């Protein structure tokens, strides 16, 4: 089926750039995004995200969020003393 979707220019440039980096077509990326969006989500979905801490061509260290685990994410009340208690600093 064919359809028309208006995509903002800046977003389309990012999409096209990502497609080129992954050696895929823009169509493939859009279809993959639609499939992911329509896929049933599990109740215990992990919200952990990793980001490069120090970008390097050889190897990058990664940090995983949340840094401080909580039974109720988003409700952690913490001060500097508690941070120093939970995280070892060099």
Protein backbone atom coordinates (compact mmCIF):
# COMPACT_ATOMS: atom_id res chain seq x y z
CA UNK A 1 0.00 0.00 0.00
CA UNK A 2 1.22 3.50 -0.73
CA UNK A 3 0.76 6.45 1.57
CA UNK A 4 2.07 9.99 1.92
CA UNK A 5 3.60 11.24 5.15
CA UNK A 6 4.92 14.74 5.76
CA UNK A 7 8.26 14.54 7.57
CA UNK A 8 9.97 17.74 8.73
CA UNK A 9 13.11 18.50 6.68
CA UNK A 10 15.53 18.22 9.61
CA UNK A 11 14.08 14.87 10.66
CA UNK A 12 14.22 13.55 7.10
CA UNK A 13 17.89 14.56 6.80
CA UNK A 14 18.64 12.60 10.00
CA UNK A 15 16.67 9.63 8.68
CA UNK A 16 18.47 9.69 5.34
CA UNK A 17 21.86 10.00 7.04
CA UNK A 18 21.12 7.05 9.34
CA UNK A 19 19.95 4.97 6.39
CA UNK A 20 23.21 5.69 4.56
CA UNK A 21 25.31 4.81 7.63
CA UNK A 22 23.45 1.51 8.05
CA UNK A 23 23.47 0.82 4.28
CA UNK A 24 19.68 0.59 4.27
CA UNK A 25 16.98 2.46 2.47
CA UNK A 26 14.85 5.17 4.07
CA UNK A 27 11.86 2.93 3.38
CA UNK A 28 13.42 0.09 5.39
CA UNK A 29 14.02 2.36 8.39
CA UNK A 30 10.48 3.73 8.27
CA UNK A 31 8.98 0.22 8.03
CA UNK A 32 11.17 -0.97 10.92
CA UNK A 33 9.97 1.98 13.01
CA UNK A 34 6.33 1.22 12.24
CA UNK A 35 6.82 -2.46 13.10
CA UNK A 36 8.46 -1.59 16.42
CA UNK A 37 5.66 0.84 17.25
CA UNK A 38 2.96 -1.76 16.47
CA UNK A 39 4.70 -4.62 18.31
CA UNK A 40 3.04 -5.52 21.62
CA UNK A 41 5.01 -4.16 24.55
CA UNK A 42 5.88 -6.32 27.51
CA UNK A 43 4.87 -5.14 30.97
CA UNK A 44 8.40 -5.56 32.31
CA UNK A 45 10.05 -3.40 29.71
CA UNK A 46 13.53 -2.33 30.67
CA UNK A 47 14.07 1.42 30.54
CA UNK A 48 17.83 1.12 30.78
CA UNK A 49 19.75 3.08 28.21
CA UNK A 50 23.47 3.03 27.57
CA UNK A 51 25.45 6.02 26.41
CA UNK A 52 29.11 6.21 25.44
CA UNK A 53 31.04 7.73 28.32
CA UNK A 54 34.25 8.36 26.41
CA UNK A 55 33.95 8.04 22.65
CA UNK A 56 36.89 6.21 21.15
CA UNK A 57 37.61 4.38 17.93
CA UNK A 58 39.30 1.54 19.78
CA UNK A 59 36.89 0.96 22.63
CA UNK A 60 34.39 3.06 24.51
CA UNK A 61 33.43 2.69 28.14
CA UNK A 62 29.70 2.75 28.63
CA UNK A 63 27.54 3.93 31.46
CA UNK A 64 24.14 2.36 32.16
CA UNK A 65 21.21 4.32 33.52
CA UNK A 66 19.81 4.43 36.11
CA UNK A 67 23.04 4.98 37.99
CA UNK A 68 21.21 4.68 41.30
CA UNK A 69 18.55 1.94 41.32
CA UNK A 70 15.17 2.74 42.84
CA UNK A 71 12.08 0.67 43.62
CA UNK A 72 9.96 3.58 42.36
CA UNK A 73 11.88 5.25 39.48
CA UNK A 74 11.48 8.99 39.39
CA UNK A 75 10.70 9.22 43.10
CA UNK A 76 14.20 8.88 44.53
CA UNK A 77 14.95 11.57 47.11
CA UNK A 78 18.69 11.84 47.39
CA UNK A 79 21.31 14.27 48.65
CA UNK A 80 25.08 14.49 48.17
CA UNK A 81 25.82 12.37 51.24
CA UNK A 82 23.66 9.53 49.89
CA UNK A 83 25.32 9.79 46.46
CA UNK A 84 28.77 9.41 48.01
CA UNK A 85 27.44 6.44 49.97
CA UNK A 86 26.13 4.67 46.84
CA UNK A 87 28.82 5.49 44.27
CA UNK A 88 32.52 4.99 44.71
CA UNK A 89 34.51 7.95 43.45
CA UNK A 90 38.21 7.79 42.54
